[in-house]
PDB file of N, CA and C in Angstrom:
ATOM      1  N   MET A   1      15.681   7.261-123.776  1.00  0.00           N
ATOM      2  CA  MET A   1      15.703   8.408-122.891  1.00  0.00           C
ATOM      3  C   MET A   1      14.365   8.529-122.173  1.00  0.00           C
ATOM      4  N   SER A   2      14.404   8.752-120.890  1.00  0.00           N
ATOM      5  CA  SER A   2      13.213   8.881-120.074  1.00  0.00           C
ATOM      6  C   SER A   2      12.838  10.347-119.935  1.00  0.00           C
ATOM      7  N   SER A   3      11.562  10.632-120.129  1.00  0.00           N
ATOM      8  CA  SER A   3      11.095  12.002-119.915  1.00  0.00           C
ATOM      9  C   SER A   3       9.685  11.950-119.342  1.00  0.00           C
ATOM     10  N   SER A   4       9.331  13.010-118.646  1.00  0.00           N
ATOM     11  CA  SER A   4       8.000  13.090-118.048  1.00  0.00           C
ATOM     12  C   SER A   4       7.097  13.957-118.897  1.00  0.00           C
ATOM     13  N   LYS A   5       5.811  13.664-118.822  1.00  0.00           N
ATOM     14  CA  LYS A   5       4.788  14.450-119.495  1.00  0.00           C
ATOM     15  C   LYS A   5       3.823  14.958-118.439  1.00  0.00           C
ATOM     16  N   GLN A   6       3.115  16.024-118.764  1.00  0.00           N
ATOM     17  CA  GLN A   6       2.159  16.603-117.820  1.00  0.00           C
ATOM     18  C   GLN A   6       0.847  16.862-118.537  1.00  0.00           C
ATOM     19  N   THR A   7      -0.259  16.494-117.887  1.00  0.00           N
ATOM     20  CA  THR A   7      -1.567  16.701-118.499  1.00  0.00           C
ATOM     21  C   THR A   7      -2.671  16.766-117.446  1.00  0.00           C
ATOM     22  N   HIS A   8      -3.806  17.347-117.844  1.00  0.00           N
ATOM     23  CA  HIS A   8      -5.029  17.225-117.052  1.00  0.00           C
ATOM     24  C   HIS A   8      -6.162  16.729-117.955  1.00  0.00           C
ATOM     25  N   ASN A   9      -5.803  16.246-119.143  1.00  0.00           N
ATOM     26  CA  ASN A   9      -6.768  15.696-120.081  1.00  0.00           C
ATOM     27  C   ASN A   9      -7.259  14.338-119.582  1.00  0.00           C
ATOM     28  N   HIS A  10      -8.555  14.236-119.341  1.00  0.00           N
ATOM     29  CA  HIS A  10      -9.131  13.017-118.768  1.00  0.00           C
ATOM     30  C   HIS A  10      -8.874  11.781-119.630  1.00  0.00           C
ATOM     31  N   ALA A  11      -9.067  11.906-120.937  1.00  0.00           N
ATOM     32  CA  ALA A  11      -8.888  10.754-121.827  1.00  0.00           C
ATOM     33  C   ALA A  11      -7.438  10.278-121.820  1.00  0.00           C
ATOM     34  N   THR A  12      -6.494  11.208-121.802  1.00  0.00           N
ATOM     35  CA  THR A  12      -5.068  10.854-121.774  1.00  0.00           C
ATOM     36  C   THR A  12      -4.716  10.142-120.479  1.00  0.00           C
ATOM     37  N   ILE A  13      -5.208  10.658-119.364  1.00  0.00           N
ATOM     38  CA  ILE A  13      -4.922  10.057-118.055  1.00  0.00           C
ATOM     39  C   ILE A  13      -5.498   8.652-117.966  1.00  0.00           C
ATOM     40  N   LYS A  14      -6.748   8.513-118.353  1.00  0.00           N
ATOM     41  CA  LYS A  14      -7.406   7.201-118.276  1.00  0.00           C
ATOM     42  C   LYS A  14      -6.707   6.195-119.197  1.00  0.00           C
ATOM     43  N   ALA A  15      -6.361   6.613-120.410  1.00  0.00           N
ATOM     44  CA  ALA A  15      -5.689   5.714-121.354  1.00  0.00           C
ATOM     45  C   ALA A  15      -4.321   5.293-120.832  1.00  0.00           C
ATOM     46  N   TRP A  16      -3.556   6.246-120.266  1.00  0.00           N
ATOM     47  CA  TRP A  16      -2.238   5.920-119.729  1.00  0.00           C
ATOM     48  C   TRP A  16      -2.375   4.922-118.567  1.00  0.00           C
ATOM     49  N   ALA A  17      -3.285   5.205-117.648  1.00  0.00           N
ATOM     50  CA  ALA A  17      -3.470   4.321-116.494  1.00  0.00           C
ATOM     51  C   ALA A  17      -3.877   2.921-116.931  1.00  0.00           C
ATOM     52  N   GLU A  18      -4.864   2.828-117.795  1.00  0.00           N
ATOM     53  CA  GLU A  18      -5.357   1.516-118.218  1.00  0.00           C
ATOM     54  C   GLU A  18      -4.315   0.747-119.026  1.00  0.00           C
ATOM     55  N   LYS A  19      -3.523   1.453-119.815  1.00  0.00           N
ATOM     56  CA  LYS A  19      -2.443   0.810-120.580  1.00  0.00           C
ATOM     57  C   LYS A  19      -1.456   0.102-119.652  1.00  0.00           C
ATOM     58  N   HIS A  20      -1.269   0.673-118.464  1.00  0.00           N
ATOM     59  CA  HIS A  20      -0.321   0.120-117.505  1.00  0.00           C
ATOM     60  C   HIS A  20      -0.999  -0.692-116.399  1.00  0.00           C
ATOM     61  N   GLY A  21      -2.298  -0.965-116.542  1.00  0.00           N
ATOM     62  CA  GLY A  21      -3.014  -1.769-115.553  1.00  0.00           C
ATOM     63  C   GLY A  21      -3.452  -0.994-114.331  1.00  0.00           C
ATOM     64  N   GLY A  22      -3.545   0.335-114.448  1.00  0.00           N
ATOM     65  CA  GLY A  22      -3.916   1.176-113.321  1.00  0.00           C
ATOM     66  C   GLY A  22      -5.408   1.390-113.182  1.00  0.00           C
ATOM     67  N   VAL A  23      -5.829   1.594-111.948  1.00  0.00           N
ATOM     68  CA  VAL A  23      -7.232   1.887-111.635  1.00  0.00           C
ATOM     69  C   VAL A  23      -7.279   3.105-110.710  1.00  0.00           C
ATOM     70  N   PRO A  24      -8.341   3.904-110.794  1.00  0.00           N
ATOM     71  CA  PRO A  24      -8.461   5.066-109.912  1.00  0.00           C
ATOM     72  C   PRO A  24      -8.751   4.626-108.481  1.00  0.00           C
ATOM     73  N   ALA A  25      -8.152   5.347-107.535  1.00  0.00           N
ATOM     74  CA  ALA A  25      -8.318   4.975-106.124  1.00  0.00           C
ATOM     75  C   ALA A  25      -8.124   6.202-105.240  1.00  0.00           C
ATOM     76  N   ILE A  26      -8.543   6.035-103.989  1.00  0.00           N
ATOM     77  CA  ILE A  26      -8.235   7.022-102.959  1.00  0.00           C
ATOM     78  C   ILE A  26      -7.581   6.287-101.795  1.00  0.00           C
ATOM     79  N   VAL A  27      -6.812   7.021-101.020  1.00  0.00           N
ATOM     80  CA  VAL A  27      -6.223   6.448 -99.811  1.00  0.00           C
ATOM     81  C   VAL A  27      -7.332   6.380 -98.763  1.00  0.00           C
ATOM     82  N   ALA A  28      -7.579   5.197 -98.261  1.00  0.00           N
ATOM     83  CA  ALA A  28      -8.653   4.990 -97.287  1.00  0.00           C
ATOM     84  C   ALA A  28      -8.459   5.892 -96.075  1.00  0.00           C
ATOM     85  N   ASP A  29      -9.552   6.316 -95.519  1.00  0.00           N
ATOM     86  CA  ASP A  29      -9.571   7.124 -94.297  1.00  0.00           C
ATOM     87  C   ASP A  29      -8.931   8.510 -94.448  1.00  0.00           C
ATOM     88  N   THR A  30      -8.899   9.048 -95.688  1.00  0.00           N
ATOM     89  CA  THR A  30      -8.367  10.402 -95.869  1.00  0.00           C
ATOM     90  C   THR A  30      -9.457  11.401 -96.257  1.00  0.00           C
ATOM     91  N   ALA A  31     -10.692  10.944 -96.380  1.00  0.00           N
ATOM     92  CA  ALA A  31     -11.791  11.842 -96.727  1.00  0.00           C
ATOM     93  C   ALA A  31     -12.095  12.778 -95.561  1.00  0.00           C
ATOM     94  N   LYS A  32     -12.256  14.066 -95.877  1.00  0.00           N
ATOM     95  CA  LYS A  32     -12.585  15.067 -94.860  1.00  0.00           C
ATOM     96  C   LYS A  32     -13.547  16.070 -95.466  1.00  0.00           C
ATOM     97  N   GLY A  33     -14.695  16.231 -94.866  1.00  0.00           N
ATOM     98  CA  GLY A  33     -15.675  17.190 -95.360  1.00  0.00           C
ATOM     99  C   GLY A  33     -16.086  16.876 -96.788  1.00  0.00           C
ATOM    100  N   ASP A  34     -15.934  17.869 -97.672  1.00  0.00           N
ATOM    101  CA  ASP A  34     -16.300  17.692 -99.081  1.00  0.00           C
ATOM    102  C   ASP A  34     -15.215  16.978 -99.884  1.00  0.00           C
ATOM    103  N   ASN A  35     -14.051  16.773 -99.293  1.00  0.00           N
ATOM    104  CA  ASN A  35     -12.936  16.126 -99.976  1.00  0.00           C
ATOM    105  C   ASN A  35     -13.138  14.613 -99.928  1.00  0.00           C
ATOM    106  N   ASP A  36     -13.095  13.972-101.093  1.00  0.00           N
ATOM    107  CA  ASP A  36     -13.286  12.517-101.167  1.00  0.00           C
ATOM    108  C   ASP A  36     -12.092  11.729-100.658  1.00  0.00           C
ATOM    109  N   GLY A  37     -10.942  12.354-100.546  1.00  0.00           N
ATOM    110  CA  GLY A  37      -9.740  11.671-100.072  1.00  0.00           C
ATOM    111  C   GLY A  37      -8.576  11.904-101.005  1.00  0.00           C
ATOM    112  N   VAL A  38      -7.418  11.402-100.602  1.00  0.00           N
ATOM    113  CA  VAL A  38      -6.194  11.569-101.379  1.00  0.00           C
ATOM    114  C   VAL A  38      -6.235  10.644-102.595  1.00  0.00           C
ATOM    115  N   LEU A  39      -6.104  11.231-103.776  1.00  0.00           N
ATOM    116  CA  LEU A  39      -6.171  10.463-105.022  1.00  0.00           C
ATOM    117  C   LEU A  39      -4.908   9.655-105.271  1.00  0.00           C
ATOM    118  N   ARG A  40      -5.108   8.522-105.901  1.00  0.00           N
ATOM    119  CA  ARG A  40      -4.008   7.678-106.360  1.00  0.00           C
ATOM    120  C   ARG A  40      -4.451   6.983-107.648  1.00  0.00           C
ATOM    121  N   ILE A  41      -3.480   6.573-108.430  1.00  0.00           N
ATOM    122  CA  ILE A  41      -3.721   5.585-109.478  1.00  0.00           C
ATOM    123  C   ILE A  41      -3.010   4.341-108.978  1.00  0.00           C
ATOM    124  N   HIS A  42      -3.771   3.297-108.786  1.00  0.00           N
ATOM    125  CA  HIS A  42      -3.248   2.056-108.211  1.00  0.00           C
ATOM    126  C   HIS A  42      -2.946   1.057-109.324  1.00  0.00           C
ATOM    127  N   PHE A  43      -1.805   0.392-109.211  1.00  0.00           N
ATOM    128  CA  PHE A  43      -1.387  -0.618-110.174  1.00  0.00           C
ATOM    129  C   PHE A  43      -1.324  -1.964-109.451  1.00  0.00           C
ATOM    130  N   PRO A  44      -2.455  -2.674-109.398  1.00  0.00           N
ATOM    131  CA  PRO A  44      -2.535  -3.908-108.609  1.00  0.00           C
ATOM    132  C   PRO A  44      -1.451  -4.942-108.919  1.00  0.00           C
ATOM    133  N   LYS A  45      -1.065  -5.085-110.183  1.00  0.00           N
ATOM    134  CA  LYS A  45      -0.060  -6.110-110.511  1.00  0.00           C
ATOM    135  C   LYS A  45       1.331  -5.728-110.025  1.00  0.00           C
ATOM    136  N   HIS A  46       1.528  -4.476-109.623  1.00  0.00           N
ATOM    137  CA  HIS A  46       2.821  -4.018-109.114  1.00  0.00           C
ATOM    138  C   HIS A  46       2.789  -3.832-107.600  1.00  0.00           C
ATOM    139  N   SER A  47       1.723  -4.289-106.967  1.00  0.00           N
ATOM    140  CA  SER A  47       1.553  -4.053-105.536  1.00  0.00           C
ATOM    141  C   SER A  47       1.193  -5.336-104.822  1.00  0.00           C
ATOM    142  N   GLU A  48       1.835  -5.551-103.694  1.00  0.00           N
ATOM    143  CA  GLU A  48       1.521  -6.736-102.886  1.00  0.00           C
ATOM    144  C   GLU A  48       0.356  -6.472-101.941  1.00  0.00           C
ATOM    145  N   ASN A  49       0.208  -5.207-101.511  1.00  0.00           N
ATOM    146  CA  ASN A  49      -0.801  -4.893-100.505  1.00  0.00           C
ATOM    147  C   ASN A  49      -1.476  -3.572-100.844  1.00  0.00           C
ATOM    148  N   LYS A  50      -2.781  -3.601-101.049  1.00  0.00           N
ATOM    149  CA  LYS A  50      -3.493  -2.366-101.331  1.00  0.00           C
ATOM    150  C   LYS A  50      -4.537  -2.068-100.261  1.00  0.00           C
ATOM    151  N   SER A  51      -4.318  -2.548 -99.065  1.00  0.00           N
ATOM    152  CA  SER A  51      -5.316  -2.413 -98.007  1.00  0.00           C
ATOM    153  C   SER A  51      -5.623  -0.951 -97.680  1.00  0.00           C
ATOM    154  N   ASP A  52      -4.669  -0.048 -97.935  1.00  0.00           N
ATOM    155  CA  ASP A  52      -4.918   1.360 -97.632  1.00  0.00           C
ATOM    156  C   ASP A  52      -5.560   2.102 -98.804  1.00  0.00           C
ATOM    157  N   LEU A  53      -5.810   1.409 -99.925  1.00  0.00           N
ATOM    158  CA  LEU A  53      -6.415   2.033-101.096  1.00  0.00           C
ATOM    159  C   LEU A  53      -7.825   1.515-101.330  1.00  0.00           C
ATOM    160  N   LYS A  54      -8.689   2.423-101.750  1.00  0.00           N
ATOM    161  CA  LYS A  54     -10.067   2.072-102.067  1.00  0.00           C
ATOM    162  C   LYS A  54     -10.314   2.453-103.518  1.00  0.00           C
ATOM    163  N   GLU A  55     -10.638   1.462-104.343  1.00  0.00           N
ATOM    164  CA  GLU A  55     -10.889   1.733-105.754  1.00  0.00           C
ATOM    165  C   GLU A  55     -12.163   2.569-105.895  1.00  0.00           C
ATOM    166  N   ILE A  56     -12.106   3.558-106.815  1.00  0.00           N
ATOM    167  CA  ILE A  56     -13.259   4.409-107.112  1.00  0.00           C
ATOM    168  C   ILE A  56     -13.485   4.415-108.617  1.00  0.00           C
ATOM    169  N   ASP A  57     -14.622   4.958-109.050  1.00  0.00           N
ATOM    170  CA  ASP A  57     -14.873   5.029-110.492  1.00  0.00           C
ATOM    171  C   ASP A  57     -14.182   6.266-111.078  1.00  0.00           C
ATOM    172  N   TRP A  58     -14.022   6.252-112.390  1.00  0.00           N
ATOM    173  CA  TRP A  58     -13.331   7.352-113.058  1.00  0.00           C
ATOM    174  C   TRP A  58     -14.066   8.678-112.901  1.00  0.00           C
ATOM    175  N   ASP A  59     -15.396   8.677-112.900  1.00  0.00           N
ATOM    176  CA  ASP A  59     -16.140   9.938-112.744  1.00  0.00           C
ATOM    177  C   ASP A  59     -15.823  10.593-111.407  1.00  0.00           C
ATOM    178  N   THR A  60     -15.834   9.811-110.338  1.00  0.00           N
ATOM    179  CA  THR A  60     -15.507  10.341-109.010  1.00  0.00           C
ATOM    180  C   THR A  60     -14.060  10.817-108.969  1.00  0.00           C
ATOM    181  N   PHE A  61     -13.167  10.038-109.554  1.00  0.00           N
ATOM    182  CA  PHE A  61     -11.761  10.399-109.610  1.00  0.00           C
ATOM    183  C   PHE A  61     -11.585  11.772-110.274  1.00  0.00           C
ATOM    184  N   PHE A  62     -12.193  11.945-111.457  1.00  0.00           N
ATOM    185  CA  PHE A  62     -12.003  13.192-112.199  1.00  0.00           C
ATOM    186  C   PHE A  62     -12.724  14.378-111.558  1.00  0.00           C
ATOM    187  N   GLU A  63     -13.823  14.147-110.866  1.00  0.00           N
ATOM    188  CA  GLU A  63     -14.466  15.237-110.120  1.00  0.00           C
ATOM    189  C   GLU A  63     -13.509  15.770-109.062  1.00  0.00           C
ATOM    190  N   ASN A  64     -12.879  14.872-108.311  1.00  0.00           N
ATOM    191  CA  ASN A  64     -11.913  15.251-107.283  1.00  0.00           C
ATOM    192  C   ASN A  64     -10.670  15.879-107.913  1.00  0.00           C
ATOM    193  N   PHE A  65     -10.177  15.289-108.982  1.00  0.00           N
ATOM    194  CA  PHE A  65      -8.998  15.763-109.705  1.00  0.00           C
ATOM    195  C   PHE A  65      -9.200  17.207-110.179  1.00  0.00           C
ATOM    196  N   ASP A  66     -10.352  17.474-110.805  1.00  0.00           N
ATOM    197  CA  ASP A  66     -10.632  18.817-111.332  1.00  0.00           C
ATOM    198  C   ASP A  66     -10.916  19.821-110.224  1.00  0.00           C
ATOM    199  N   SER A  67     -11.663  19.423-109.198  1.00  0.00           N
ATOM    200  CA  SER A  67     -11.979  20.368-108.120  1.00  0.00           C
ATOM    201  C   SER A  67     -10.729  20.797-107.359  1.00  0.00           C
ATOM    202  N   ASN A  68      -9.699  19.948-107.365  1.00  0.00           N
ATOM    203  CA  ASN A  68      -8.432  20.289-106.723  1.00  0.00           C
ATOM    204  C   ASN A  68      -7.420  20.903-107.691  1.00  0.00           C
ATOM    205  N   LYS A  69      -7.851  21.106-108.940  1.00  0.00           N
ATOM    206  CA  LYS A  69      -7.011  21.730-109.981  1.00  0.00           C
ATOM    207  C   LYS A  69      -5.646  21.050-110.097  1.00  0.00           C
ATOM    208  N   LEU A  70      -5.707  19.735-110.330  1.00  0.00           N
ATOM    209  CA  LEU A  70      -4.491  18.937-110.422  1.00  0.00           C
ATOM    210  C   LEU A  70      -4.103  18.642-111.865  1.00  0.00           C
ATOM    211  N   ASP A  71      -2.845  18.368-112.070  1.00  0.00           N
ATOM    212  CA  ASP A  71      -2.302  17.807-113.299  1.00  0.00           C
ATOM    213  C   ASP A  71      -1.651  16.486-112.929  1.00  0.00           C
ATOM    214  N   LEU A  72      -1.515  15.618-113.922  1.00  0.00           N
ATOM    215  CA  LEU A  72      -0.784  14.369-113.725  1.00  0.00           C
ATOM    216  C   LEU A  72       0.568  14.507-114.409  1.00  0.00           C
ATOM    217  N   LEU A  73       1.619  14.283-113.657  1.00  0.00           N
ATOM    218  CA  LEU A  73       2.972  14.194-114.187  1.00  0.00           C
ATOM    219  C   LEU A  73       3.264  12.706-114.281  1.00  0.00           C
ATOM    220  N   TYR A  74       3.635  12.233-115.470  1.00  0.00           N
ATOM    221  CA  TYR A  74       3.785  10.794-115.668  1.00  0.00           C
ATOM    222  C   TYR A  74       4.890  10.472-116.656  1.00  0.00           C
ATOM    223  N   GLN A  75       5.310   9.213-116.651  1.00  0.00           N
ATOM    224  CA  GLN A  75       6.329   8.698-117.554  1.00  0.00           C
ATOM    225  C   GLN A  75       5.759   7.553-118.362  1.00  0.00           C
ATOM    226  N   GLU A  76       6.117   7.487-119.628  1.00  0.00           N
ATOM    227  CA  GLU A  76       5.724   6.352-120.476  1.00  0.00           C
ATOM    228  C   GLU A  76       6.677   5.173-120.262  1.00  0.00           C
ATOM    229  N   GLU A  77       7.979   5.475-120.159  1.00  0.00           N
ATOM    230  CA  GLU A  77       8.952   4.399-119.962  1.00  0.00           C
ATOM    231  C   GLU A  77      10.146   4.888-119.153  1.00  0.00           C
ATOM    232  N   LYS A  78      10.828   3.922-118.561  1.00  0.00           N
ATOM    233  CA  LYS A  78      12.031   4.212-117.779  1.00  0.00           C
ATOM    234  C   LYS A  78      13.193   4.461-118.732  1.00  0.00           C
ATOM    235  N   ILE A  79      14.290   4.921-118.176  1.00  0.00           N
ATOM    236  CA  ILE A  79      15.464   5.225-118.987  1.00  0.00           C
ATOM    237  C   ILE A  79      15.975   4.010-119.765  1.00  0.00           C
ATOM    238  N   ASP A  80      15.737   2.802-119.214  1.00  0.00           N
ATOM    239  CA  ASP A  80      16.180   1.574-119.886  1.00  0.00           C
ATOM    240  C   ASP A  80      15.179   1.069-120.927  1.00  0.00           C
ATOM    241  N   GLY A  81      14.087   1.831-121.132  1.00  0.00           N
ATOM    242  CA  GLY A  81      13.082   1.462-122.126  1.00  0.00           C
ATOM    243  C   GLY A  81      11.940   0.625-121.572  1.00  0.00           C
ATOM    244  N   GLU A  82      12.051   0.178-120.330  1.00  0.00           N
ATOM    245  CA  GLU A  82      10.991  -0.609-119.694  1.00  0.00           C
ATOM    246  C   GLU A  82       9.791   0.297-119.402  1.00  0.00           C
ATOM    247  N   GLU A  83       8.577  -0.270-119.453  1.00  0.00           N
ATOM    248  CA  GLU A  83       7.373   0.506-119.128  1.00  0.00           C
ATOM    249  C   GLU A  83       7.474   1.091-117.730  1.00  0.00           C
ATOM    250  N   SER A  84       6.944   2.305-117.578  1.00  0.00           N
ATOM    251  CA  SER A  84       6.991   2.972-116.287  1.00  0.00           C
ATOM    252  C   SER A  84       5.591   3.264-115.779  1.00  0.00           C
ATOM    253  N   THR A  85       5.417   3.126-114.482  1.00  0.00           N
ATOM    254  CA  THR A  85       4.165   3.542-113.845  1.00  0.00           C
ATOM    255  C   THR A  85       4.385   4.764-112.963  1.00  0.00           C
ATOM    256  N   PHE A  86       5.561   5.406-113.119  1.00  0.00           N
ATOM    257  CA  PHE A  86       5.837   6.600-112.327  1.00  0.00           C
ATOM    258  C   PHE A  86       4.814   7.679-112.649  1.00  0.00           C
ATOM    259  N   HIS A  87       4.266   8.260-111.596  1.00  0.00           N
ATOM    260  CA  HIS A  87       3.343   9.379-111.747  1.00  0.00           C
ATOM    261  C   HIS A  87       3.221  10.106-110.420  1.00  0.00           C
ATOM    262  N   LYS A  88       2.805  11.340-110.491  1.00  0.00           N
ATOM    263  CA  LYS A  88       2.438  12.074-109.289  1.00  0.00           C
ATOM    264  C   LYS A  88       1.484  13.181-109.694  1.00  0.00           C
ATOM    265  N   PHE A  89       0.706  13.600-108.730  1.00  0.00           N
ATOM    266  CA  PHE A  89      -0.248  14.683-108.956  1.00  0.00           C
ATOM    267  C   PHE A  89       0.399  15.986-108.511  1.00  0.00           C
ATOM    268  N   ILE A  90       0.263  17.009-109.346  1.00  0.00           N
ATOM    269  CA  ILE A  90       0.819  18.320-109.039  1.00  0.00           C
ATOM    270  C   ILE A  90      -0.250  19.370-109.278  1.00  0.00           C
ATOM    271  N   ASN A  91      -0.075  20.528-108.679  1.00  0.00           N
ATOM    272  CA  ASN A  91      -1.013  21.622-108.892  1.00  0.00           C
ATOM    273  C   ASN A  91      -0.866  22.180-110.295  1.00  0.00           C
ATOM    274  N   ARG A  92      -2.005  22.489-110.912  1.00  0.00           N
ATOM    275  CA  ARG A  92      -1.982  23.139-112.219  1.00  0.00           C
ATOM    276  C   ARG A  92      -1.411  24.530-112.083  1.00  0.00           C
ATOM    277  N   GLU A  93      -0.674  24.920-113.083  1.00  0.00           N
ATOM    278  CA  GLU A  93      -0.108  26.281-113.068  1.00  0.00           C
ATOM    279  C   GLU A  93      -1.033  27.245-113.754  1.00  0.00           C
TER     280      GLU A  93
END
């Protein structure tokens, strides 16, 4: 059974991303003023082209993540039991 989890815990997010081969990134050319840009977790082995993504360090990622009061909604596995990289950023409630 597939289910989603939600967190803003830095250690949980980093561990989940790294377990699935993910790295912190921003969408290139989206930085405006004090905003570093649109956050993403990039999974290079699942992507043919990452030209629009710029890898960043985890500290920068979490500074942006926290200043925007975001949570990560994510899945550990798909309904068929296969590993999942599904995730999205949502506003904290």
